[in-house]
Amino acid sequence: GQMQYYQMTGFMGITDQPAEAVGDFKLPDPDQSALYLDFDGTLVEIAERPDDIDVTATITGILDRAMERLDGRVALVSGRSIADLQKFLPDFKGALIGTHGAEMHIDGVHSKLAEFDEDTVRRLCRLADDFAKLCPSFLVEHKPSGVVLHYRQAEECGALALRFMESLAMAADGFRLQPALMAYELKPECVGKDIALTRLMDRLPFRGKTPIYAGDDLTDEPALQLVERRKGYAIKIGEAETVASHRLPDPKSLLLKLEDWLV
C-alpha cells in the first residue's frame, strides 16, 4: 500500500535523467512559439496555504514581457479558479484556463468548458467540510467544479484523506479523484488541463505555434504529454517522475530561463 500511496501523491522519486540534462536545453524561437504555464509550483513557489503565495514583481514582469514578445500567445493553465487567478494577477491580459480546464477566459470573455452537476459539487463540498472537522489540520478548498482536501499540515492523515476521497469518488457519478501534491481533489471526468489546452491550441493566436508548457504537478502530466505529442517543449518543474523531455528544479530557474529567452 505504501508504494501505491506514494504514487498517488506524486512522490515517485527522481527519474534516471543525468544531472547535467536538467535545465540544459534551448527554447525555440519566440516568434514561432506559444507559452503555457501552470501557476502554483511553476511560476510561484508553493505556500502553506493557497492564499499565502507571493506573486513577485519578477513574475508579473516576465508575464508582461512574454505577452509583448509572443504577441499575446501566453496562457496560464491552473487548478485555481479564474476569479482566483485574476485576484493575484489583475493586470495579466493573456488567456486563462482555470479549475483544471473547467473554465476559460480569453479576450475578456469567460466560458465554461464543461457541463457537470452543480448539486453534486455542493454535496461533495459539504461532505468534505464535515470530514475535515475530524482532523483540524486538514484544509478544504471549494471549487466551482469540485472540492480539494489538502493535508500539507497533516501528513500523518494522508492515507485517511485518500481513503475518504476515494470513497466519495466512487459514489459520485461523473466525478473522479485527482491526486495532487499533498492534496486530493474530486473533479468532473470531463475536465482536464489537456482537454482545455487542446481547445486553446486550436484557436488564434495560438494555432500553428510550437507549444511550450511548464508544470510541476500530477494534473500537468496529461498537458505535458499533449505537448510532447505535438512536438513542443514539455518542461517538468521539480523532481517527480514525468513524461516531459525537459526539467527544471524550481520556479526560480524557470523564471531565469524565460528571462534569458525573452531578451
C-alpha atoms as a PDB file:
ATOM      1  CA  GLY A   1       0.000   0.000   0.000  1.00  0.00           C
ATOM      2  CA  GLN A   2       2.818   2.416   0.826  1.00  0.00           C
ATOM      3  CA  MET A   3       4.174   2.394  -2.715  1.00  0.00           C
ATOM      4  CA  GLN A   4       0.768   2.971  -4.190  1.00  0.00           C
ATOM      5  CA  TYR A   5       0.254   5.812  -1.739  1.00  0.00           C
ATOM      6  CA  TYR A   6       3.487   7.459  -2.874  1.00  0.00           C
ATOM      7  CA  GLN A   7       2.492   7.013  -6.493  1.00  0.00           C
ATOM      8  CA  MET A   8      -0.844   8.652  -5.781  1.00  0.00           C
ATOM      9  CA  THR A   9       0.810  11.598  -4.091  1.00  0.00           C
ATOM     10  CA  GLY A  10       3.288  12.115  -6.899  1.00  0.00           C
ATOM     11  CA  PHE A  11       6.459  11.434  -4.941  1.00  0.00           C
ATOM     12  CA  MET A  12       7.736   8.791  -7.275  1.00  0.00           C
ATOM     13  CA  GLY A  13      11.345   9.834  -6.917  1.00  0.00           C
ATOM     14  CA  ILE A  14      13.691  11.244  -9.485  1.00  0.00           C
ATOM     15  CA  THR A  15      13.816   9.679 -12.910  1.00  0.00           C
ATOM     16  CA  ASP A  16      17.219   8.461 -14.029  1.00  0.00           C
ATOM     17  CA  GLN A  17      17.837  11.637 -16.012  1.00  0.00           C
ATOM     18  CA  PRO A  18      21.524  12.641 -15.787  1.00  0.00           C
ATOM     19  CA  ALA A  19      22.010  15.733 -13.624  1.00  0.00           C
ATOM     20  CA  GLU A  20      23.614  17.788 -16.385  1.00  0.00           C
ATOM     21  CA  ALA A  21      20.485  17.364 -18.535  1.00  0.00           C
ATOM     22  CA  VAL A  22      18.427  19.356 -16.044  1.00  0.00           C
ATOM     23  CA  GLY A  23      17.835  22.827 -17.414  1.00  0.00           C
ATOM     24  CA  ASP A  24      20.313  22.301 -20.228  1.00  0.00           C
ATOM     25  CA  PHE A  25      18.066  22.949 -23.217  1.00  0.00           C
ATOM     26  CA  LYS A  26      17.333  25.782 -25.609  1.00  0.00           C
ATOM     27  CA  LEU A  27      13.784  27.007 -26.192  1.00  0.00           C
ATOM     28  CA  PRO A  28      12.504  27.573 -29.752  1.00  0.00           C
ATOM     29  CA  ASP A  29      12.292  30.979 -31.455  1.00  0.00           C
ATOM     30  CA  PRO A  30       9.741  33.133 -29.578  1.00  0.00           C
ATOM     31  CA  ASP A  31       8.258  34.259 -32.927  1.00  0.00           C
ATOM     32  CA  GLN A  32       7.179  30.677 -33.576  1.00  0.00           C
ATOM     33  CA  SER A  33       6.139  29.760 -30.022  1.00  0.00           C
ATOM     34  CA  ALA A  34       3.195  29.827 -27.649  1.00  0.00           C
ATOM     35  CA  LEU A  35       3.760  29.712 -23.892  1.00  0.00           C
ATOM     36  CA  TYR A  36       1.506  27.794 -21.487  1.00  0.00           C
ATOM     37  CA  LEU A  37       2.295  27.925 -17.776  1.00  0.00           C
ATOM     38  CA  ASP A  38       0.919  26.266 -14.707  1.00  0.00           C
ATOM     39  CA  PHE A  39       0.750  28.692 -11.764  1.00  0.00           C
ATOM     40  CA  ASP A  40       1.360  27.191  -8.302  1.00  0.00           C
ATOM     41  CA  GLY A  41       4.719  25.439  -8.004  1.00  0.00           C
ATOM     42  CA  THR A  42       5.670  26.514 -11.531  1.00  0.00           C
ATOM     43  CA  LEU A  43       5.524  30.318 -11.635  1.00  0.00           C
ATOM     44  CA  VAL A  44       5.054  30.923  -7.918  1.00  0.00           C
ATOM     45  CA  GLU A  45       6.529  28.971  -5.022  1.00  0.00           C
ATOM     46  CA  ILE A  46       4.038  26.700  -3.267  1.00  0.00           C
ATOM     47  CA  ALA A  47       2.801  28.185   0.009  1.00  0.00           C
ATOM     48  CA  GLU A  48       1.456  26.512   3.145  1.00  0.00           C
ATOM     49  CA  ARG A  49      -1.992  27.832   2.257  1.00  0.00           C
ATOM     50  CA  PRO A  50      -3.266  28.685  -1.251  1.00  0.00           C
ATOM     51  CA  ASP A  51      -3.787  32.347  -0.289  1.00  0.00           C
ATOM     52  CA  ASP A  52      -0.266  32.853   1.066  1.00  0.00           C
ATOM     53  CA  ILE A  53       1.540  32.746  -2.275  1.00  0.00           C
ATOM     54  CA  ASP A  54       3.840  35.608  -3.213  1.00  0.00           C
ATOM     55  CA  VAL A  55       3.358  36.925  -6.753  1.00  0.00           C
ATOM     56  CA  THR A  56       6.549  38.920  -7.138  1.00  0.00           C
ATOM     57  CA  ALA A  57       7.311  41.811  -9.492  1.00  0.00           C
ATOM     58  CA  THR A  58       9.695  39.432 -11.292  1.00  0.00           C
ATOM     59  CA  ILE A  59       6.763  37.144 -12.137  1.00  0.00           C
ATOM     60  CA  THR A  60       4.451  39.885 -13.368  1.00  0.00           C
ATOM     61  CA  GLY A  61       7.359  41.463 -15.274  1.00  0.00           C
ATOM     62  CA  ILE A  62       8.129  38.225 -17.107  1.00  0.00           C
ATOM     63  CA  LEU A  63       4.462  37.682 -17.978  1.00  0.00           C
ATOM     64  CA  ASP A  64       4.247  41.229 -19.406  1.00  0.00           C
ATOM     65  CA  ARG A  65       7.452  40.702 -21.372  1.00  0.00           C
ATOM     66  CA  ALA A  66       6.204  37.356 -22.707  1.00  0.00           C
ATOM     67  CA  MET A  67       2.871  38.872 -23.774  1.00  0.00           C
ATOM     68  CA  GLU A  68       4.746  41.552 -25.703  1.00  0.00           C
ATOM     69  CA  ARG A  69       7.419  39.302 -27.222  1.00  0.00           C
ATOM     70  CA  LEU A  70       4.989  36.497 -28.160  1.00  0.00           C
ATOM     71  CA  ASP A  71       2.265  38.804 -29.422  1.00  0.00           C
ATOM     72  CA  GLY A  72      -0.252  37.671 -26.822  1.00  0.00           C
ATOM     73  CA  ARG A  73       0.428  33.913 -27.145  1.00  0.00           C
ATOM     74  CA  VAL A  74       0.642  33.340 -23.385  1.00  0.00           C
ATOM     75  CA  ALA A  75      -1.769  31.343 -21.227  1.00  0.00           C
ATOM     76  CA  LEU A  76      -1.912  30.312 -17.606  1.00  0.00           C
ATOM     77  CA  VAL A  77      -3.288  26.807 -17.076  1.00  0.00           C
ATOM     78  CA  SER A  78      -4.162  26.368 -13.424  1.00  0.00           C
ATOM     79  CA  GLY A  79      -6.118  24.311 -10.941  1.00  0.00           C
ATOM     80  CA  ARG A  80      -7.235  27.585  -9.377  1.00  0.00           C
ATOM     81  CA  SER A  81     -10.465  29.230 -10.413  1.00  0.00           C
ATOM     82  CA  ILE A  82     -10.214  32.092 -12.890  1.00  0.00           C
ATOM     83  CA  ALA A  83     -11.550  34.513 -10.262  1.00  0.00           C
ATOM     84  CA  ASP A  84      -8.676  33.473  -8.008  1.00  0.00           C
ATOM     85  CA  LEU A  85      -6.058  33.899 -10.755  1.00  0.00           C
ATOM     86  CA  GLN A  86      -7.415  37.352 -11.570  1.00  0.00           C
ATOM     87  CA  LYS A  87      -7.171  38.310  -7.906  1.00  0.00           C
ATOM     88  CA  PHE A  88      -3.428  37.517  -7.920  1.00  0.00           C
ATOM     89  CA  LEU A  89      -2.724  38.805 -11.463  1.00  0.00           C
ATOM     90  CA  PRO A  90      -5.139  41.695 -12.034  1.00  0.00           C
ATOM     91  CA  ASP A  91      -3.092  43.100 -14.949  1.00  0.00           C
ATOM     92  CA  PHE A  92      -2.460  39.916 -16.921  1.00  0.00           C
ATOM     93  CA  LYS A  93      -4.122  40.140 -20.344  1.00  0.00           C
ATOM     94  CA  GLY A  94      -3.291  36.667 -21.636  1.00  0.00           C
ATOM     95  CA  ALA A  95      -5.561  33.640 -21.769  1.00  0.00           C
ATOM     96  CA  LEU A  96      -6.559  31.900 -18.535  1.00  0.00           C
ATOM     97  CA  ILE A  97      -7.584  28.283 -18.166  1.00  0.00           C
ATOM     98  CA  GLY A  98      -8.913  27.729 -14.657  1.00  0.00           C
ATOM     99  CA  THR A  99     -10.148  24.948 -12.382  1.00  0.00           C
ATOM    100  CA  HIS A 100      -8.035  22.328 -14.263  1.00  0.00           C
ATOM    101  CA  GLY A 101      -9.740  23.148 -17.534  1.00  0.00           C
ATOM    102  CA  ALA A 102     -13.355  23.571 -16.433  1.00  0.00           C
ATOM    103  CA  GLU A 103     -13.330  27.266 -17.413  1.00  0.00           C
ATOM    104  CA  MET A 104     -11.522  29.595 -19.792  1.00  0.00           C
ATOM    105  CA  HIS A 105     -11.106  33.360 -20.001  1.00  0.00           C
ATOM    106  CA  ILE A 106      -9.832  34.777 -23.272  1.00  0.00           C
ATOM    107  CA  ASP A 107     -10.126  38.292 -24.753  1.00  0.00           C
ATOM    108  CA  GLY A 108     -12.294  39.360 -21.834  1.00  0.00           C
ATOM    109  CA  VAL A 109     -14.810  36.559 -22.381  1.00  0.00           C
ATOM    110  CA  HIS A 110     -15.385  33.912 -19.714  1.00  0.00           C
ATOM    111  CA  SER A 111     -16.682  30.495 -20.745  1.00  0.00           C
ATOM    112  CA  LYS A 112     -17.443  27.225 -19.045  1.00  0.00           C
ATOM    113  CA  LEU A 113     -15.756  24.375 -20.880  1.00  0.00           C
ATOM    114  CA  ALA A 114     -17.509  21.537 -19.117  1.00  0.00           C
ATOM    115  CA  GLU A 115     -21.026  20.694 -18.024  1.00  0.00           C
ATOM    116  CA  PHE A 116     -21.286  18.978 -14.669  1.00  0.00           C
ATOM    117  CA  ASP A 117     -23.827  18.626 -11.905  1.00  0.00           C
ATOM    118  CA  GLU A 118     -23.522  21.566  -9.533  1.00  0.00           C
ATOM    119  CA  ASP A 119     -25.727  19.918  -6.892  1.00  0.00           C
ATOM    120  CA  THR A 120     -23.207  17.087  -6.658  1.00  0.00           C
ATOM    121  CA  VAL A 121     -20.401  19.634  -6.273  1.00  0.00           C
ATOM    122  CA  ARG A 122     -22.245  21.300  -3.380  1.00  0.00           C
ATOM    123  CA  ARG A 123     -22.829  17.944  -1.694  1.00  0.00           C
ATOM    124  CA  LEU A 124     -19.189  16.908  -2.089  1.00  0.00           C
ATOM    125  CA  CYS A 125     -18.076  20.230  -0.565  1.00  0.00           C
ATOM    126  CA  ARG A 126     -20.379  19.733   2.393  1.00  0.00           C
ATOM    127  CA  LEU A 127     -19.173  16.156   2.997  1.00  0.00           C
ATOM    128  CA  ALA A 128     -15.524  17.196   2.795  1.00  0.00           C
ATOM    129  CA  ASP A 129     -16.146  20.066   5.229  1.00  0.00           C
ATOM    130  CA  ASP A 130     -17.695  17.663   7.732  1.00  0.00           C
ATOM    131  CA  PHE A 131     -14.920  15.113   7.321  1.00  0.00           C
ATOM    132  CA  ALA A 132     -12.185  17.755   7.777  1.00  0.00           C
ATOM    133  CA  LYS A 133     -13.536  18.597  11.221  1.00  0.00           C
ATOM    134  CA  LEU A 134     -12.170  15.213  12.371  1.00  0.00           C
ATOM    135  CA  CYS A 135      -8.616  16.382  11.752  1.00  0.00           C
ATOM    136  CA  PRO A 136      -8.351  20.152  12.302  1.00  0.00           C
ATOM    137  CA  SER A 137      -5.157  20.470  10.244  1.00  0.00           C
ATOM    138  CA  PHE A 138      -6.967  19.425   7.060  1.00  0.00           C
ATOM    139  CA  LEU A 139      -7.747  22.318   4.737  1.00  0.00           C
ATOM    140  CA  VAL A 140     -10.774  22.115   2.440  1.00  0.00           C
ATOM    141  CA  GLU A 141     -10.861  24.218  -0.710  1.00  0.00           C
ATOM    142  CA  HIS A 142     -14.168  24.651  -2.548  1.00  0.00           C
ATOM    143  CA  LYS A 143     -14.001  24.991  -6.337  1.00  0.00           C
ATOM    144  CA  PRO A 144     -16.683  25.720  -8.923  1.00  0.00           C
ATOM    145  CA  SER A 145     -16.347  22.159 -10.237  1.00  0.00           C
ATOM    146  CA  GLY A 146     -15.373  20.173  -7.172  1.00  0.00           C
ATOM    147  CA  VAL A 147     -13.532  20.109  -3.876  1.00  0.00           C
ATOM    148  CA  VAL A 148      -9.936  19.713  -2.658  1.00  0.00           C
ATOM    149  CA  LEU A 149      -8.781  18.188   0.606  1.00  0.00           C
ATOM    150  CA  HIS A 150      -5.278  19.479   1.498  1.00  0.00           C
ATOM    151  CA  TYR A 151      -3.225  17.562   4.049  1.00  0.00           C
ATOM    152  CA  ARG A 152       0.050  19.534   3.854  1.00  0.00           C
ATOM    153  CA  GLN A 153      -0.401  20.444   7.532  1.00  0.00           C
ATOM    154  CA  ALA A 154      -1.476  16.894   8.413  1.00  0.00           C
ATOM    155  CA  GLU A 155       0.811  14.481   6.586  1.00  0.00           C
ATOM    156  CA  GLU A 156       0.059  11.696   9.057  1.00  0.00           C
ATOM    157  CA  CYS A 157      -3.571  11.892   7.847  1.00  0.00           C
ATOM    158  CA  GLY A 158      -2.626  11.458   4.174  1.00  0.00           C
ATOM    159  CA  ALA A 159      -3.778   7.851   3.913  1.00  0.00           C
ATOM    160  CA  LEU A 160      -7.006   8.741   5.703  1.00  0.00           C
ATOM    161  CA  ALA A 161      -7.634  11.616   3.277  1.00  0.00           C
ATOM    162  CA  LEU A 162      -7.043   9.294   0.327  1.00  0.00           C
ATOM    163  CA  ARG A 163      -9.455   6.663   1.628  1.00  0.00           C
ATOM    164  CA  PHE A 164     -12.198   9.198   2.264  1.00  0.00           C
ATOM    165  CA  MET A 165     -11.838  10.983  -1.087  1.00  0.00           C
ATOM    166  CA  GLU A 166     -11.657   7.646  -2.931  1.00  0.00           C
ATOM    167  CA  SER A 167     -14.945   6.544  -1.456  1.00  0.00           C
ATOM    168  CA  LEU A 168     -16.573   9.869  -2.360  1.00  0.00           C
ATOM    169  CA  ALA A 169     -15.292   9.492  -5.936  1.00  0.00           C
ATOM    170  CA  MET A 170     -16.797   6.017  -6.198  1.00  0.00           C
ATOM    171  CA  ALA A 171     -20.156   7.295  -5.012  1.00  0.00           C
ATOM    172  CA  ALA A 172     -20.274  10.483  -7.112  1.00  0.00           C
ATOM    173  CA  ASP A 173     -21.289   9.654 -10.650  1.00  0.00           C
ATOM    174  CA  GLY A 174     -19.280  11.558 -13.287  1.00  0.00           C
ATOM    175  CA  PHE A 175     -16.567  12.663 -10.849  1.00  0.00           C
ATOM    176  CA  ARG A 176     -13.070  11.284 -10.380  1.00  0.00           C
ATOM    177  CA  LEU A 177     -10.224  11.508  -7.925  1.00  0.00           C
ATOM    178  CA  GLN A 178      -7.273  13.673  -8.949  1.00  0.00           C
ATOM    179  CA  PRO A 179      -4.241  13.264  -6.685  1.00  0.00           C
ATOM    180  CA  ALA A 180      -2.065  16.376  -6.345  1.00  0.00           C
ATOM    181  CA  LEU A 181       0.898  17.327  -4.181  1.00  0.00           C
ATOM    182  CA  MET A 182      -0.265  16.919  -0.576  1.00  0.00           C
ATOM    183  CA  ALA A 183      -3.900  17.108  -1.675  1.00  0.00           C
ATOM    184  CA  TYR A 184      -6.716  15.081  -3.190  1.00  0.00           C
ATOM    185  CA  GLU A 185      -9.254  16.660  -5.471  1.00  0.00           C
ATOM    186  CA  LEU A 186     -12.616  15.499  -6.764  1.00  0.00           C
ATOM    187  CA  LYS A 187     -13.396  16.839 -10.202  1.00  0.00           C
ATOM    188  CA  PRO A 188     -15.677  16.052 -13.146  1.00  0.00           C
ATOM    189  CA  GLU A 189     -14.455  13.347 -15.532  1.00  0.00           C
ATOM    190  CA  CYS A 190     -14.957  15.709 -18.474  1.00  0.00           C
ATOM    191  CA  VAL A 191     -12.447  18.206 -17.061  1.00  0.00           C
ATOM    192  CA  GLY A 192      -8.702  18.142 -17.691  1.00  0.00           C
ATOM    193  CA  LYS A 193      -5.901  20.573 -18.457  1.00  0.00           C
ATOM    194  CA  ASP A 194      -5.150  18.621 -21.637  1.00  0.00           C
ATOM    195  CA  ILE A 195      -8.770  18.804 -22.826  1.00  0.00           C
ATOM    196  CA  ALA A 196      -8.899  22.584 -22.350  1.00  0.00           C
ATOM    197  CA  LEU A 197      -5.410  23.047 -23.794  1.00  0.00           C
ATOM    198  CA  THR A 198      -6.379  21.261 -26.997  1.00  0.00           C
ATOM    199  CA  ARG A 199      -9.162  23.808 -27.479  1.00  0.00           C
ATOM    200  CA  LEU A 200      -6.875  26.742 -26.798  1.00  0.00           C
ATOM    201  CA  MET A 201      -4.092  25.492 -29.084  1.00  0.00           C
ATOM    202  CA  ASP A 202      -6.512  25.327 -31.986  1.00  0.00           C
ATOM    203  CA  ARG A 203      -7.539  28.988 -31.620  1.00  0.00           C
ATOM    204  CA  LEU A 204      -5.813  32.066 -32.900  1.00  0.00           C
ATOM    205  CA  PRO A 205      -3.292  33.460 -31.995  1.00  0.00           C
ATOM    206  CA  PHE A 206      -2.057  30.117 -30.574  1.00  0.00           C
ATOM    207  CA  ARG A 207      -2.815  27.953 -33.591  1.00  0.00           C
ATOM    208  CA  GLY A 208       0.183  26.602 -35.524  1.00  0.00           C
ATOM    209  CA  LYS A 209       2.790  27.751 -32.996  1.00  0.00           C
ATOM    210  CA  THR A 210       5.220  25.473 -31.155  1.00  0.00           C
ATOM    211  CA  PRO A 211       3.782  24.874 -27.683  1.00  0.00           C
ATOM    212  CA  ILE A 212       5.973  25.309 -24.606  1.00  0.00           C
ATOM    213  CA  TYR A 213       4.343  24.028 -21.406  1.00  0.00           C
ATOM    214  CA  ALA A 214       5.767  24.112 -17.884  1.00  0.00           C
ATOM    215  CA  GLY A 215       4.101  22.380 -14.939  1.00  0.00           C
ATOM    216  CA  ASP A 216       5.013  20.691 -11.659  1.00  0.00           C
ATOM    217  CA  ASP A 217       2.028  18.631 -10.579  1.00  0.00           C
ATOM    218  CA  LEU A 218       0.323  15.358 -11.499  1.00  0.00           C
ATOM    219  CA  THR A 219      -2.512  17.390 -13.034  1.00  0.00           C
ATOM    220  CA  ASP A 220       0.036  18.788 -15.521  1.00  0.00           C
ATOM    221  CA  GLU A 221       1.130  15.386 -16.808  1.00  0.00           C
ATOM    222  CA  PRO A 222      -1.711  14.987 -19.373  1.00  0.00           C
ATOM    223  CA  ALA A 223      -0.937  18.501 -20.661  1.00  0.00           C
ATOM    224  CA  LEU A 224       2.811  17.775 -20.814  1.00  0.00           C
ATOM    225  CA  GLN A 225       2.011  14.578 -22.726  1.00  0.00           C
ATOM    226  CA  LEU A 226      -0.144  16.503 -25.209  1.00  0.00           C
ATOM    227  CA  VAL A 227       2.695  18.981 -25.815  1.00  0.00           C
ATOM    228  CA  GLU A 228       5.190  16.130 -26.357  1.00  0.00           C
ATOM    229  CA  ARG A 229       2.807  14.610 -28.912  1.00  0.00           C
ATOM    230  CA  ARG A 230       2.553  17.956 -30.688  1.00  0.00           C
ATOM    231  CA  LYS A 231       6.366  18.163 -30.939  1.00  0.00           C
ATOM    232  CA  GLY A 232       6.529  21.011 -28.449  1.00  0.00           C
ATOM    233  CA  TYR A 233       8.641  21.605 -25.358  1.00  0.00           C
ATOM    234  CA  ALA A 234       7.321  19.961 -22.187  1.00  0.00           C
ATOM    235  CA  ILE A 235       9.121  21.137 -19.044  1.00  0.00           C
ATOM    236  CA  LYS A 236       8.676  19.444 -15.674  1.00  0.00           C
ATOM    237  CA  ILE A 237       9.354  21.656 -12.664  1.00  0.00           C
ATOM    238  CA  GLY A 238      10.726  19.707  -9.685  1.00  0.00           C
ATOM    239  CA  GLU A 239      11.820  16.117  -9.221  1.00  0.00           C
ATOM    240  CA  ALA A 240       8.755  13.902  -9.598  1.00  0.00           C
ATOM    241  CA  GLU A 241       8.594  11.400 -12.446  1.00  0.00           C
ATOM    242  CA  THR A 242       7.276  12.807 -15.692  1.00  0.00           C
ATOM    243  CA  VAL A 243       6.517  12.258 -19.372  1.00  0.00           C
ATOM    244  CA  ALA A 244       8.261  15.588 -20.134  1.00  0.00           C
ATOM    245  CA  SER A 245      11.587  15.627 -22.013  1.00  0.00           C
ATOM    246  CA  HIS A 246      12.888  18.671 -20.144  1.00  0.00           C
ATOM    247  CA  ARG A 247      13.230  19.506 -16.482  1.00  0.00           C
ATOM    248  CA  LEU A 248      13.961  22.499 -14.251  1.00  0.00           C
ATOM    249  CA  PRO A 249      14.424  22.266 -10.474  1.00  0.00           C
ATOM    250  CA  ASP A 250      12.122  25.053  -9.277  1.00  0.00           C
ATOM    251  CA  PRO A 251      10.084  28.163 -10.189  1.00  0.00           C
ATOM    252  CA  LYS A 252      13.139  30.393  -9.818  1.00  0.00           C
ATOM    253  CA  SER A 253      15.026  28.505 -12.521  1.00  0.00           C
ATOM    254  CA  LEU A 254      12.004  28.697 -14.832  1.00  0.00           C
ATOM    255  CA  LEU A 255      11.831  32.481 -14.374  1.00  0.00           C
ATOM    256  CA  LEU A 256      15.562  32.771 -15.184  1.00  0.00           C
ATOM    257  CA  LYS A 257      15.133  30.550 -18.252  1.00  0.00           C
ATOM    258  CA  LEU A 258      12.224  32.662 -19.510  1.00  0.00           C
ATOM    259  CA  GLU A 259      14.083  35.883 -18.810  1.00  0.00           C
ATOM    260  CA  ASP A 260      17.069  34.753 -20.942  1.00  0.00           C
ATOM    261  CA  TRP A 261      14.747  33.541 -23.677  1.00  0.00           C
ATOM    262  CA  LEU A 262      12.673  36.724 -23.892  1.00  0.00           C
ATOM    263  CA  VAL A 263      15.625  39.108 -24.235  1.00  0.00           C
END
